[in-house]
Amino acid sequence: MFQLSEQTQLIILIIVLAILFVLVIFNNKRNQAKKQKRNFRKGFYEKTKKHKNN
């Protein structure tokens, strides 16, 4: 396999962690935006209608 120096391994590790951190932040913002769009009452009544019809 590849033999990378400790310094190179550390740099790669930091880059990978930074990428994961950015992905988590982006996903969190996306989930919050979806949560703000949701209407609990509307969704609840639509689900209860479906259960009553079945």
N, C-alpha and C. Protein backbone atom coordinates (compact mmCIF):
# COMPACT_ATOMS: atom_id res chain seq x y z
N MET A 1 0.83 -1.20 0.00
CA MET A 1 0.00 0.00 0.00
C MET A 1 0.87 1.25 0.00
N PHE A 2 0.22 2.36 0.25
CA PHE A 2 0.94 3.63 0.25
C PHE A 2 1.54 3.88 1.62
N GLN A 3 2.74 4.38 1.63
CA GLN A 3 3.40 4.76 2.87
C GLN A 3 3.41 6.29 2.93
N LEU A 4 2.54 6.85 3.77
CA LEU A 4 2.47 8.30 3.91
C LEU A 4 3.12 8.70 5.22
N SER A 5 3.76 9.84 5.20
CA SER A 5 4.39 10.31 6.44
C SER A 5 3.31 10.69 7.45
N GLU A 6 3.72 10.78 8.70
CA GLU A 6 2.75 11.13 9.75
C GLU A 6 2.15 12.50 9.50
N GLN A 7 2.96 13.42 9.00
CA GLN A 7 2.48 14.78 8.73
C GLN A 7 1.42 14.75 7.63
N THR A 8 1.64 13.97 6.59
CA THR A 8 0.67 13.86 5.50
C THR A 8 -0.62 13.22 6.00
N GLN A 9 -0.50 12.20 6.81
CA GLN A 9 -1.68 11.54 7.37
C GLN A 9 -2.49 12.51 8.22
N LEU A 10 -1.79 13.34 9.00
CA LEU A 10 -2.46 14.32 9.84
C LEU A 10 -3.20 15.36 9.00
N ILE A 11 -2.56 15.82 7.93
CA ILE A 11 -3.19 16.80 7.04
C ILE A 11 -4.44 16.20 6.40
N ILE A 12 -4.34 14.96 5.93
CA ILE A 12 -5.49 14.30 5.32
C ILE A 12 -6.62 14.13 6.33
N LEU A 13 -6.27 13.76 7.55
CA LEU A 13 -7.27 13.60 8.60
C LEU A 13 -7.99 14.92 8.88
N ILE A 14 -7.25 16.01 8.96
CA ILE A 14 -7.86 17.32 9.22
C ILE A 14 -8.78 17.72 8.07
N ILE A 15 -8.36 17.46 6.84
CA ILE A 15 -9.20 17.80 5.68
C ILE A 15 -10.49 16.98 5.70
N VAL A 16 -10.39 15.70 5.99
CA VAL A 16 -11.58 14.84 6.03
C VAL A 16 -12.53 15.30 7.14
N LEU A 17 -11.99 15.63 8.31
CA LEU A 17 -12.84 16.12 9.40
C LEU A 17 -13.51 17.43 9.04
N ALA A 18 -12.79 18.31 8.34
CA ALA A 18 -13.37 19.59 7.92
C ALA A 18 -14.51 19.36 6.94
N ILE A 19 -14.33 18.44 6.02
CA ILE A 19 -15.38 18.13 5.04
C ILE A 19 -16.61 17.57 5.75
N LEU A 20 -16.40 16.65 6.69
CA LEU A 20 -17.53 16.09 7.44
C LEU A 20 -18.25 17.17 8.23
N PHE A 21 -17.50 18.08 8.84
CA PHE A 21 -18.08 19.17 9.61
C PHE A 21 -18.96 20.05 8.73
N VAL A 22 -18.46 20.38 7.55
CA VAL A 22 -19.23 21.21 6.62
C VAL A 22 -20.50 20.49 6.18
N LEU A 23 -20.40 19.19 5.92
CA LEU A 23 -21.59 18.42 5.53
C LEU A 23 -22.63 18.39 6.64
N VAL A 24 -22.20 18.24 7.88
CA VAL A 24 -23.14 18.22 9.00
C VAL A 24 -23.82 19.58 9.15
N ILE A 25 -23.06 20.66 9.04
CA ILE A 25 -23.63 22.01 9.14
C ILE A 25 -24.65 22.22 8.02
N PHE A 26 -24.29 21.85 6.79
CA PHE A 26 -25.21 22.02 5.66
C PHE A 26 -26.49 21.21 5.86
N ASN A 27 -26.36 19.97 6.32
CA ASN A 27 -27.53 19.12 6.54
C ASN A 27 -28.41 19.69 7.65
N ASN A 28 -27.79 20.22 8.69
CA ASN A 28 -28.54 20.80 9.80
C ASN A 28 -29.36 22.00 9.31
N LYS A 29 -28.75 22.86 8.50
CA LYS A 29 -29.48 24.02 7.97
C LYS A 29 -30.63 23.58 7.08
N ARG A 30 -30.39 22.55 6.27
CA ARG A 30 -31.44 22.04 5.38
C ARG A 30 -32.60 21.48 6.19
N ASN A 31 -32.29 20.72 7.25
CA ASN A 31 -33.35 20.15 8.08
C ASN A 31 -34.14 21.23 8.80
N GLN A 32 -33.46 22.28 9.27
CA GLN A 32 -34.17 23.36 9.95
C GLN A 32 -35.10 24.09 8.99
N ALA A 33 -34.66 24.27 7.74
CA ALA A 33 -35.51 24.93 6.75
C ALA A 33 -36.75 24.08 6.47
N LYS A 34 -36.57 22.77 6.35
CA LYS A 34 -37.72 21.89 6.13
C LYS A 34 -38.66 21.91 7.33
N LYS A 35 -38.09 21.97 8.53
CA LYS A 35 -38.90 21.97 9.75
C LYS A 35 -39.74 23.24 9.82
N GLN A 36 -39.19 24.37 9.41
CA GLN A 36 -39.93 25.63 9.48
C GLN A 36 -41.07 25.65 8.47
N LYS A 37 -40.94 24.92 7.36
CA LYS A 37 -42.00 24.87 6.36
C LYS A 37 -43.17 24.00 6.79
N ARG A 38 -42.91 23.05 7.69
CA ARG A 38 -43.93 22.09 8.08
C ARG A 38 -45.06 22.75 8.86
N ASN A 39 -46.26 22.25 8.63
CA ASN A 39 -47.43 22.71 9.37
C ASN A 39 -47.99 21.49 10.10
N PHE A 40 -47.86 21.47 11.42
CA PHE A 40 -48.26 20.29 12.19
C PHE A 40 -49.75 20.01 12.04
N ARG A 41 -50.59 21.04 12.16
CA ARG A 41 -52.04 20.83 12.09
C ARG A 41 -52.46 20.24 10.76
N LYS A 42 -51.94 20.83 9.68
CA LYS A 42 -52.32 20.36 8.34
C LYS A 42 -51.91 18.90 8.16
N GLY A 43 -50.69 18.56 8.53
CA GLY A 43 -50.22 17.19 8.40
C GLY A 43 -51.00 16.23 9.28
N PHE A 44 -51.33 16.66 10.49
CA PHE A 44 -52.06 15.80 11.43
C PHE A 44 -53.45 15.48 10.89
N TYR A 45 -54.15 16.51 10.40
CA TYR A 45 -55.51 16.29 9.90
C TYR A 45 -55.50 15.45 8.62
N GLU A 46 -54.50 15.63 7.77
CA GLU A 46 -54.41 14.80 6.56
C GLU A 46 -54.19 13.34 6.93
N LYS A 47 -53.35 13.08 7.92
CA LYS A 47 -53.10 11.70 8.34
C LYS A 47 -54.34 11.08 8.97
N THR A 48 -55.09 11.86 9.78
CA THR A 48 -56.28 11.30 10.41
C THR A 48 -57.36 11.04 9.36
N LYS A 49 -57.43 11.86 8.33
CA LYS A 49 -58.39 11.61 7.25
C LYS A 49 -58.08 10.30 6.55
N LYS A 50 -56.79 10.05 6.28
CA LYS A 50 -56.40 8.82 5.60
C LYS A 50 -56.76 7.60 6.44
N HIS A 51 -56.56 7.69 7.76
CA HIS A 51 -56.87 6.55 8.63
C HIS A 51 -58.38 6.33 8.72
N LYS A 52 -59.17 7.39 8.70
CA LYS A 52 -60.62 7.24 8.77
C LYS A 52 -61.17 6.65 7.48
N ASN A 53 -60.56 7.00 6.35
CA ASN A 53 -61.04 6.51 5.05
C ASN A 53 -60.71 5.04 4.85
N ASN A 54 -59.69 4.54 5.48
CA ASN A 54 -59.28 3.13 5.29
C ASN A 54 -60.03 2.20 6.15
